């Protein structure tokens, strides 16, 4: 069974980070998971991809005011639901 997972991430979140050089108070964190738009193990896709008829899904998210929409991206990937959970295709797009 193929599944689709969609996540919202944010880059350049400045916060404290302990590094080998010591504590950095405004470390720029990258690829921070902000929200899962699908269940954690993805949504079933069905046979649409096998038959090449295509599929279209829509997801919405309301960003809290302290999130920077210009630094947010959507990450989506198609994967198997079997024990190896192999990723077959992935893409990323800016949120706005």
PDB file of N, CA and C in Angstrom:
ATOM      1  N   UNK A   1       0.842  -1.190   0.000  1.00  0.00           N
ATOM      2  CA  UNK A   1       0.000   0.000   0.000  1.00  0.00           C
ATOM      3  C   UNK A   1       0.885   1.251   0.000  1.00  0.00           C
ATOM      4  N   UNK A   2       0.546   2.209  -0.860  1.00  0.00           N
ATOM      5  CA  UNK A   2       1.270   3.475  -0.910  1.00  0.00           C
ATOM      6  C   UNK A   2       0.563   4.497  -0.035  1.00  0.00           C
ATOM      7  N   UNK A   3       1.370   5.363   0.576  1.00  0.00           N
ATOM      8  CA  UNK A   3       0.824   6.375   1.479  1.00  0.00           C
ATOM      9  C   UNK A   3       1.482   7.721   1.183  1.00  0.00           C
ATOM     10  N   UNK A   4       0.770   8.793   1.500  1.00  0.00           N
ATOM     11  CA  UNK A   4       1.265  10.154   1.325  1.00  0.00           C
ATOM     12  C   UNK A   4       1.423  10.793   2.700  1.00  0.00           C
ATOM     13  N   UNK A   5       2.606  11.346   2.961  1.00  0.00           N
ATOM     14  CA  UNK A   5       2.857  12.089   4.193  1.00  0.00           C
ATOM     15  C   UNK A   5       3.166  13.528   3.834  1.00  0.00           C
ATOM     16  N   UNK A   6       2.543  14.474   4.551  1.00  0.00           N
ATOM     17  CA  UNK A   6       2.723  15.901   4.282  1.00  0.00           C
ATOM     18  C   UNK A   6       3.009  16.605   5.606  1.00  0.00           C
ATOM     19  N   UNK A   7       4.106  17.367   5.630  1.00  0.00           N
ATOM     20  CA  UNK A   7       4.531  18.058   6.842  1.00  0.00           C
ATOM     21  C   UNK A   7       4.848  19.514   6.536  1.00  0.00           C
ATOM     22  N   UNK A   8       4.653  20.372   7.518  1.00  0.00           N
ATOM     23  CA  UNK A   8       5.021  21.771   7.424  1.00  0.00           C
ATOM     24  C   UNK A   8       6.268  21.966   8.295  1.00  0.00           C
ATOM     25  N   UNK A   9       7.325  22.527   7.708  1.00  0.00           N
ATOM     26  CA  UNK A   9       8.547  22.798   8.456  1.00  0.00           C
ATOM     27  C   UNK A   9       8.843  24.289   8.404  1.00  0.00           C
ATOM     28  N   UNK A  10       9.678  24.737   9.330  1.00  0.00           N
ATOM     29  CA  UNK A  10      10.104  26.139   9.334  1.00  0.00           C
ATOM     30  C   UNK A  10      11.617  26.189   9.500  1.00  0.00           C
ATOM     31  N   UNK A  11      12.252  27.076   8.771  1.00  0.00           N
ATOM     32  CA  UNK A  11      13.695  27.309   8.854  1.00  0.00           C
ATOM     33  C   UNK A  11      13.985  28.608   9.600  1.00  0.00           C
ATOM     34  N   UNK A  12      15.217  28.733  10.034  1.00  0.00           N
ATOM     35  CA  UNK A  12      15.731  29.963  10.650  1.00  0.00           C
ATOM     36  C   UNK A  12      15.006  30.352  11.937  1.00  0.00           C
ATOM     37  N   UNK A  13      14.654  29.364  12.737  1.00  0.00           N
ATOM     38  CA  UNK A  13      14.091  29.639  14.060  1.00  0.00           C
ATOM     39  C   UNK A  13      15.266  29.877  15.001  1.00  0.00           C
ATOM     40  N   UNK A  14      15.341  31.053  15.555  1.00  0.00           N
ATOM     41  CA  UNK A  14      16.445  31.425  16.445  1.00  0.00           C
ATOM     42  C   UNK A  14      16.095  31.060  17.886  1.00  0.00           C
ATOM     43  N   UNK A  15      16.954  30.193  18.476  1.00  0.00           N
ATOM     44  CA  UNK A  15      16.737  29.785  19.858  1.00  0.00           C
ATOM     45  C   UNK A  15      18.058  29.266  20.413  1.00  0.00           C
ATOM     46  N   UNK A  16      18.053  28.933  21.681  1.00  0.00           N
ATOM     47  CA  UNK A  16      19.266  28.455  22.364  1.00  0.00           C
ATOM     48  C   UNK A  16      19.651  27.077  21.828  1.00  0.00           C
ATOM     49  N   UNK A  17      20.969  26.862  21.662  1.00  0.00           N
ATOM     50  CA  UNK A  17      21.496  25.570  21.237  1.00  0.00           C
ATOM     51  C   UNK A  17      22.849  25.365  21.896  1.00  0.00           C
ATOM     52  N   UNK A  18      23.049  24.191  22.458  1.00  0.00           N
ATOM     53  CA  UNK A  18      24.348  23.832  23.010  1.00  0.00           C
ATOM     54  C   UNK A  18      25.186  23.250  21.885  1.00  0.00           C
ATOM     55  N   UNK A  19      26.331  23.846  21.590  1.00  0.00           N
ATOM     56  CA  UNK A  19      27.226  23.400  20.527  1.00  0.00           C
ATOM     57  C   UNK A  19      28.552  22.979  21.145  1.00  0.00           C
ATOM     58  N   UNK A  20      29.428  22.342  20.374  1.00  0.00           N
ATOM     59  CA  UNK A  20      30.752  21.993  20.916  1.00  0.00           C
ATOM     60  C   UNK A  20      31.527  23.216  21.413  1.00  0.00           C
ATOM     61  N   UNK A  21      31.225  24.392  20.855  1.00  0.00           N
ATOM     62  CA  UNK A  21      31.888  25.626  21.276  1.00  0.00           C
ATOM     63  C   UNK A  21      31.233  26.258  22.503  1.00  0.00           C
ATOM     64  N   UNK A  22      30.085  25.759  22.900  1.00  0.00           N
ATOM     65  CA  UNK A  22      29.370  26.317  24.050  1.00  0.00           C
ATOM     66  C   UNK A  22      27.933  26.647  23.705  1.00  0.00           C
ATOM     67  N   UNK A  23      27.269  27.354  24.589  1.00  0.00           N
ATOM     68  CA  UNK A  23      25.860  27.713  24.410  1.00  0.00           C
ATOM     69  C   UNK A  23      25.731  28.919  23.477  1.00  0.00           C
ATOM     70  N   UNK A  24      24.938  28.745  22.419  1.00  0.00           N
ATOM     71  CA  UNK A  24      24.645  29.819  21.469  1.00  0.00           C
ATOM     72  C   UNK A  24      23.210  30.258  21.717  1.00  0.00           C
ATOM     73  N   UNK A  25      22.999  31.526  22.014  1.00  0.00           N
ATOM     74  CA  UNK A  25      21.659  32.000  22.393  1.00  0.00           C
ATOM     75  C   UNK A  25      20.734  32.238  21.206  1.00  0.00           C
ATOM     76  N   UNK A  26      21.267  32.475  20.027  1.00  0.00           N
ATOM     77  CA  UNK A  26      20.418  32.739  18.852  1.00  0.00           C
ATOM     78  C   UNK A  26      20.832  31.827  17.693  1.00  0.00           C
ATOM     79  N   UNK A  27      20.891  30.550  17.976  1.00  0.00           N
ATOM     80  CA  UNK A  27      21.277  29.562  16.956  1.00  0.00           C
ATOM     81  C   UNK A  27      20.173  29.437  15.908  1.00  0.00           C
ATOM     82  N   UNK A  28      20.505  29.434  14.600  1.00  0.00           N
ATOM     83  CA  UNK A  28      19.478  29.330  13.558  1.00  0.00           C
ATOM     84  C   UNK A  28      19.113  27.861  13.285  1.00  0.00           C
ATOM     85  N   UNK A  29      18.037  27.386  13.873  1.00  0.00           N
ATOM     86  CA  UNK A  29      17.588  26.008  13.656  1.00  0.00           C
ATOM     87  C   UNK A  29      16.940  25.892  12.285  1.00  0.00           C
ATOM     88  N   UNK A  30      17.227  24.788  11.582  1.00  0.00           N
ATOM     89  CA  UNK A  30      16.713  24.550  10.232  1.00  0.00           C
ATOM     90  C   UNK A  30      15.821  23.307  10.228  1.00  0.00           C
ATOM     91  N   UNK A  31      14.875  23.268   9.317  1.00  0.00           N
ATOM     92  CA  UNK A  31      14.020  22.098   9.081  1.00  0.00           C
ATOM     93  C   UNK A  31      13.297  21.649  10.356  1.00  0.00           C
ATOM     94  N   UNK A  32      12.735  22.599  11.089  1.00  0.00           N
ATOM     95  CA  UNK A  32      12.018  22.298  12.327  1.00  0.00           C
ATOM     96  C   UNK A  32      10.586  21.878  11.976  1.00  0.00           C
ATOM     97  N   UNK A  33      10.204  20.681  12.380  1.00  0.00           N
ATOM     98  CA  UNK A  33       8.854  20.200  12.125  1.00  0.00           C
ATOM     99  C   UNK A  33       7.873  21.035  12.934  1.00  0.00           C
ATOM    100  N   UNK A  34       6.940  21.680  12.241  1.00  0.00           N
ATOM    101  CA  UNK A  34       5.943  22.523  12.907  1.00  0.00           C
ATOM    102  C   UNK A  34       4.581  21.839  12.979  1.00  0.00           C
ATOM    103  N   UNK A  35       4.214  21.099  11.919  1.00  0.00           N
ATOM    104  CA  UNK A  35       2.876  20.505  11.897  1.00  0.00           C
ATOM    105  C   UNK A  35       2.842  19.349  10.905  1.00  0.00           C
ATOM    106  N   UNK A  36       2.184  18.263  11.293  1.00  0.00           N
ATOM    107  CA  UNK A  36       1.898  17.163  10.372  1.00  0.00           C
ATOM    108  C   UNK A  36       0.505  17.402   9.804  1.00  0.00           C
ATOM    109  N   UNK A  37       0.392  17.424   8.486  1.00  0.00           N
ATOM    110  CA  UNK A  37      -0.895  17.654   7.838  1.00  0.00           C
ATOM    111  C   UNK A  37      -1.608  16.346   7.503  1.00  0.00           C
ATOM    112  N   UNK A  38      -0.919  15.245   7.674  1.00  0.00           N
ATOM    113  CA  UNK A  38      -1.483  13.906   7.502  1.00  0.00           C
ATOM    114  C   UNK A  38      -1.222  13.136   8.794  1.00  0.00           C
ATOM    115  N   UNK A  39      -1.816  11.959   8.964  1.00  0.00           N
ATOM    116  CA  UNK A  39      -1.442  11.132  10.111  1.00  0.00           C
ATOM    117  C   UNK A  39       0.067  10.853  10.069  1.00  0.00           C
ATOM    118  N   UNK A  40       0.639  10.522  11.212  1.00  0.00           N
ATOM    119  CA  UNK A  40       2.092  10.347  11.284  1.00  0.00           C
ATOM    120  C   UNK A  40       2.609   9.301  10.305  1.00  0.00           C
ATOM    121  N   UNK A  41       1.804   8.299   9.985  1.00  0.00           N
ATOM    122  CA  UNK A  41       2.251   7.253   9.056  1.00  0.00           C
ATOM    123  C   UNK A  41       1.689   7.450   7.650  1.00  0.00           C
ATOM    124  N   UNK A  42       1.141   8.626   7.366  1.00  0.00           N
ATOM    125  CA  UNK A  42       0.659   8.957   6.033  1.00  0.00           C
ATOM    126  C   UNK A  42      -0.792   8.585   5.802  1.00  0.00           C
ATOM    127  N   UNK A  43      -1.326   9.077   4.689  1.00  0.00           N
ATOM    128  CA  UNK A  43      -2.697   8.776   4.262  1.00  0.00           C
ATOM    129  C   UNK A  43      -2.637   7.808   3.087  1.00  0.00           C
ATOM    130  N   UNK A  44      -3.511   6.811   3.053  1.00  0.00           N
ATOM    131  CA  UNK A  44      -3.508   5.887   1.908  1.00  0.00           C
ATOM    132  C   UNK A  44      -3.769   6.636   0.604  1.00  0.00           C
ATOM    133  N   UNK A  45      -3.044   6.254  -0.430  1.00  0.00           N
ATOM    134  CA  UNK A  45      -3.218   6.880  -1.740  1.00  0.00           C
ATOM    135  C   UNK A  45      -4.184   6.081  -2.590  1.00  0.00           C
ATOM    136  N   UNK A  46      -4.176   4.777  -2.469  1.00  0.00           N
ATOM    137  CA  UNK A  46      -5.035   3.940  -3.301  1.00  0.00           C
ATOM    138  C   UNK A  46      -4.337   3.602  -4.599  1.00  0.00           C
ATOM    139  N   UNK A  47      -5.111   3.257  -5.595  1.00  0.00           N
ATOM    140  CA  UNK A  47      -4.549   2.783  -6.867  1.00  0.00           C
ATOM    141  C   UNK A  47      -4.384   3.890  -7.897  1.00  0.00           C
ATOM    142  N   UNK A  48      -4.655   5.141  -7.553  1.00  0.00           N
ATOM    143  CA  UNK A  48      -4.589   6.246  -8.517  1.00  0.00           C
ATOM    144  C   UNK A  48      -3.226   6.352  -9.189  1.00  0.00           C
ATOM    145  N   UNK A  49      -2.157   6.149  -8.425  1.00  0.00           N
ATOM    146  CA  UNK A  49      -0.822   6.268  -9.018  1.00  0.00           C
ATOM    147  C   UNK A  49      -0.498   5.080  -9.903  1.00  0.00           C
ATOM    148  N   UNK A  50      -0.968   3.904  -9.544  1.00  0.00           N
ATOM    149  CA  UNK A  50      -0.708   2.711 -10.346  1.00  0.00           C
ATOM    150  C   UNK A  50      -1.414   2.810 -11.692  1.00  0.00           C
ATOM    151  N   UNK A  51      -2.642   3.316 -11.689  1.00  0.00           N
ATOM    152  CA  UNK A  51      -3.408   3.433 -12.935  1.00  0.00           C
ATOM    153  C   UNK A  51      -3.097   4.721 -13.683  1.00  0.00           C
ATOM    154  N   UNK A  52      -2.254   5.574 -13.083  1.00  0.00           N
ATOM    155  CA  UNK A  52      -1.848   6.853 -13.678  1.00  0.00           C
ATOM    156  C   UNK A  52      -3.027   7.790 -13.922  1.00  0.00           C
ATOM    157  N   UNK A  53      -4.080   7.659 -13.129  1.00  0.00           N
ATOM    158  CA  UNK A  53      -5.214   8.572 -13.259  1.00  0.00           C
ATOM    159  C   UNK A  53      -4.999   9.829 -12.437  1.00  0.00           C
ATOM    160  N   UNK A  54      -3.989   9.802 -11.594  1.00  0.00           N
ATOM    161  CA  UNK A  54      -3.663  10.977 -10.797  1.00  0.00           C
ATOM    162  C   UNK A  54      -4.528  11.092  -9.557  1.00  0.00           C
ATOM    163  N   UNK A  55      -4.066  11.928  -8.673  1.00  0.00           N
ATOM    164  CA  UNK A  55      -4.817  12.190  -7.453  1.00  0.00           C
ATOM    165  C   UNK A  55      -4.519  13.613  -7.009  1.00  0.00           C
ATOM    166  N   UNK A  56      -5.482  14.240  -6.396  1.00  0.00           N
ATOM    167  CA  UNK A  56      -5.285  15.603  -5.910  1.00  0.00           C
ATOM    168  C   UNK A  56      -5.803  15.651  -4.483  1.00  0.00           C
ATOM    169  N   UNK A  57      -4.994  16.209  -3.605  1.00  0.00           N
ATOM    170  CA  UNK A  57      -5.365  16.347  -2.204  1.00  0.00           C
ATOM    171  C   UNK A  57      -5.186  17.804  -1.810  1.00  0.00           C
ATOM    172  N   UNK A  58      -5.994  18.266  -0.906  1.00  0.00           N
ATOM    173  CA  UNK A  58      -5.872  19.626  -0.395  1.00  0.00           C
ATOM    174  C   UNK A  58      -5.703  19.598   1.115  1.00  0.00           C
ATOM    175  N   UNK A  59      -4.817  20.435   1.621  1.00  0.00           N
ATOM    176  CA  UNK A  59      -4.567  20.530   3.049  1.00  0.00           C
ATOM    177  C   UNK A  59      -4.537  22.004   3.432  1.00  0.00           C
ATOM    178  N   UNK A  60      -5.025  22.319   4.596  1.00  0.00           N
ATOM    179  CA  UNK A  60      -4.980  23.696   5.080  1.00  0.00           C
ATOM    180  C   UNK A  60      -4.334  23.723   6.453  1.00  0.00           C
ATOM    181  N   UNK A  61      -3.715  24.842   6.742  1.00  0.00           N
ATOM    182  CA  UNK A  61      -3.109  25.046   8.053  1.00  0.00           C
ATOM    183  C   UNK A  61      -3.156  26.536   8.367  1.00  0.00           C
ATOM    184  N   UNK A  62      -3.480  26.848   9.581  1.00  0.00           N
ATOM    185  CA  UNK A  62      -3.436  28.225  10.051  1.00  0.00           C
ATOM    186  C   UNK A  62      -2.167  28.395  10.861  1.00  0.00           C
ATOM    187  N   UNK A  63      -1.320  29.321  10.432  1.00  0.00           N
ATOM    188  CA  UNK A  63      -0.053  29.534  11.119  1.00  0.00           C
ATOM    189  C   UNK A  63      -0.238  30.457  12.319  1.00  0.00           C
ATOM    190  N   UNK A  64       0.299  30.080  13.469  1.00  0.00           N
ATOM    191  CA  UNK A  64       0.302  31.010  14.598  1.00  0.00           C
ATOM    192  C   UNK A  64       1.096  32.267  14.248  1.00  0.00           C
ATOM    193  N   UNK A  65       0.800  33.354  14.886  1.00  0.00           N
ATOM    194  CA  UNK A  65       1.444  34.634  14.572  1.00  0.00           C
ATOM    195  C   UNK A  65       2.963  34.600  14.730  1.00  0.00           C
ATOM    196  N   UNK A  66       3.477  33.788  15.652  1.00  0.00           N
ATOM    197  CA  UNK A  66       4.927  33.774  15.885  1.00  0.00           C
ATOM    198  C   UNK A  66       5.688  32.921  14.873  1.00  0.00           C
ATOM    199  N   UNK A  67       5.006  32.241  13.945  1.00  0.00           N
ATOM    200  CA  UNK A  67       5.670  31.522  12.869  1.00  0.00           C
ATOM    201  C   UNK A  67       5.914  32.496  11.719  1.00  0.00           C
ATOM    202  N   UNK A  68       7.017  32.330  11.013  1.00  0.00           N
ATOM    203  CA  UNK A  68       7.342  33.173   9.869  1.00  0.00           C
ATOM    204  C   UNK A  68       6.961  32.429   8.592  1.00  0.00           C
ATOM    205  N   UNK A  69       5.869  32.811   7.960  1.00  0.00           N
ATOM    206  CA  UNK A  69       5.385  32.112   6.760  1.00  0.00           C
ATOM    207  C   UNK A  69       6.417  32.097   5.646  1.00  0.00           C
ATOM    208  N   UNK A  70       7.227  33.138   5.543  1.00  0.00           N
ATOM    209  CA  UNK A  70       8.249  33.191   4.494  1.00  0.00           C
ATOM    210  C   UNK A  70       9.340  32.145   4.695  1.00  0.00           C
ATOM    211  N   UNK A  71       9.465  31.609   5.909  1.00  0.00           N
ATOM    212  CA  UNK A  71      10.472  30.588   6.208  1.00  0.00           C
ATOM    213  C   UNK A  71       9.874  29.187   6.292  1.00  0.00           C
ATOM    214  N   UNK A  72       8.582  29.060   5.997  1.00  0.00           N
ATOM    215  CA  UNK A  72       7.916  27.762   6.080  1.00  0.00           C
ATOM    216  C   UNK A  72       7.912  27.065   4.719  1.00  0.00           C
ATOM    217  N   UNK A  73       7.988  25.743   4.754  1.00  0.00           N
ATOM    218  CA  UNK A  73       7.910  24.913   3.560  1.00  0.00           C
ATOM    219  C   UNK A  73       7.011  23.721   3.832  1.00  0.00           C
ATOM    220  N   UNK A  74       6.438  23.205   2.752  1.00  0.00           N
ATOM    221  CA  UNK A  74       5.676  21.966   2.804  1.00  0.00           C
ATOM    222  C   UNK A  74       6.574  20.860   2.255  1.00  0.00           C
ATOM    223  N   UNK A  75       6.696  19.786   3.003  1.00  0.00           N
ATOM    224  CA  UNK A  75       7.440  18.609   2.574  1.00  0.00           C
ATOM    225  C   UNK A  75       6.413  17.501   2.375  1.00  0.00           C
ATOM    226  N   UNK A  76       6.403  16.876   1.208  1.00  0.00           N
ATOM    227  CA  UNK A  76       5.470  15.784   0.926  1.00  0.00           C
ATOM    228  C   UNK A  76       6.250  14.621   0.337  1.00  0.00           C
ATOM    229  N   UNK A  77       5.882  13.417   0.751  1.00  0.00           N
ATOM    230  CA  UNK A  77       6.529  12.248   0.160  1.00  0.00           C
ATOM    231  C   UNK A  77       5.577  11.068   0.114  1.00  0.00           C
ATOM    232  N   UNK A  78       5.768  10.253  -0.931  1.00  0.00           N
ATOM    233  CA  UNK A  78       5.024   9.014  -1.119  1.00  0.00           C
ATOM    234  C   UNK A  78       5.918   7.888  -0.648  1.00  0.00           C
ATOM    235  N   UNK A  79       5.355   7.005   0.165  1.00  0.00           N
ATOM    236  CA  UNK A  79       6.151   5.906   0.709  1.00  0.00           C
ATOM    237  C   UNK A  79       5.309   4.648   0.823  1.00  0.00           C
ATOM    238  N   UNK A  80       5.997   3.545   0.977  1.00  0.00           N
ATOM    239  CA  UNK A  80       5.311   2.266   1.178  1.00  0.00           C
ATOM    240  C   UNK A  80       4.907   2.145   2.640  1.00  0.00           C
ATOM    241  N   UNK A  81       3.844   1.415   2.887  1.00  0.00           N
ATOM    242  CA  UNK A  81       3.424   1.198   4.273  1.00  0.00           C
ATOM    243  C   UNK A  81       3.976  -0.109   4.821  1.00  0.00           C
ATOM    244  N   UNK A  82       4.754  -0.817   4.007  1.00  0.00           N
ATOM    245  CA  UNK A  82       5.332  -2.080   4.461  1.00  0.00           C
ATOM    246  C   UNK A  82       6.384  -1.826   5.525  1.00  0.00           C
ATOM    247  N   UNK A  83       6.990  -2.874   6.008  1.00  0.00           N
ATOM    248  CA  UNK A  83       7.946  -2.738   7.107  1.00  0.00           C
ATOM    249  C   UNK A  83       9.168  -1.898   6.735  1.00  0.00           C
ATOM    250  N   UNK A  84       9.542  -1.825   5.453  1.00  0.00           N
ATOM    251  CA  UNK A  84      10.719  -1.013   5.094  1.00  0.00           C
ATOM    252  C   UNK A  84      10.386   0.456   4.879  1.00  0.00           C
ATOM    253  N   UNK A  85       9.117   0.811   4.685  1.00  0.00           N
ATOM    254  CA  UNK A  85       8.636   2.182   4.529  1.00  0.00           C
ATOM    255  C   UNK A  85       9.480   3.001   3.540  1.00  0.00           C
ATOM    256  N   UNK A  86       9.870   2.370   2.456  1.00  0.00           N
ATOM    257  CA  UNK A  86      10.687   2.993   1.414  1.00  0.00           C
ATOM    258  C   UNK A  86      10.010   4.241   0.847  1.00  0.00           C
ATOM    259  N   UNK A  87      10.758   5.354   0.767  1.00  0.00           N
ATOM    260  CA  UNK A  87      10.254   6.587   0.153  1.00  0.00           C
ATOM    261  C   UNK A  87      10.444   6.477  -1.353  1.00  0.00           C
ATOM    262  N   UNK A  88       9.370   6.685  -2.103  1.00  0.00           N
ATOM    263  CA  UNK A  88       9.408   6.545  -3.554  1.00  0.00           C
ATOM    264  C   UNK A  88       9.574   7.880  -4.259  1.00  0.00           C
ATOM    265  N   UNK A  89       9.010   8.939  -3.693  1.00  0.00           N
ATOM    266  CA  UNK A  89       9.087  10.264  -4.306  1.00  0.00           C
ATOM    267  C   UNK A  89       8.898  11.311  -3.221  1.00  0.00           C
ATOM    268  N   UNK A  90       9.659  12.402  -3.309  1.00  0.00           N
ATOM    269  CA  UNK A  90       9.544  13.477  -2.321  1.00  0.00           C
ATOM    270  C   UNK A  90       9.651  14.823  -3.023  1.00  0.00           C
ATOM    271  N   UNK A  91       9.038  15.849  -2.416  1.00  0.00           N
ATOM    272  CA  UNK A  91       9.121  17.207  -2.940  1.00  0.00           C
ATOM    273  C   UNK A  91       8.980  18.193  -1.799  1.00  0.00           C
ATOM    274  N   UNK A  92       9.441  19.418  -2.031  1.00  0.00           N
ATOM    275  CA  UNK A  92       9.247  20.479  -1.046  1.00  0.00           C
ATOM    276  C   UNK A  92       8.846  21.754  -1.777  1.00  0.00           C
ATOM    277  N   UNK A  93       7.994  22.535  -1.130  1.00  0.00           N
ATOM    278  CA  UNK A  93       7.512  23.779  -1.710  1.00  0.00           C
ATOM    279  C   UNK A  93       7.355  24.800  -0.585  1.00  0.00           C
ATOM    280  N   UNK A  94       7.560  26.060  -0.941  1.00  0.00           N
ATOM    281  CA  UNK A  94       7.307  27.112   0.051  1.00  0.00           C
ATOM    282  C   UNK A  94       5.833  27.154   0.379  1.00  0.00           C
ATOM    283  N   UNK A  95       5.526  27.506   1.601  1.00  0.00           N
ATOM    284  CA  UNK A  95       4.161  27.472   2.120  1.00  0.00           C
ATOM    285  C   UNK A  95       3.260  28.501   1.464  1.00  0.00           C
ATOM    286  N   UNK A  96       3.766  29.681   1.212  1.00  0.00           N
ATOM    287  CA  UNK A  96       2.909  30.760   0.716  1.00  0.00           C
ATOM    288  C   UNK A  96       2.846  30.785  -0.783  1.00  0.00           C
TER     289      UNK A  96
END
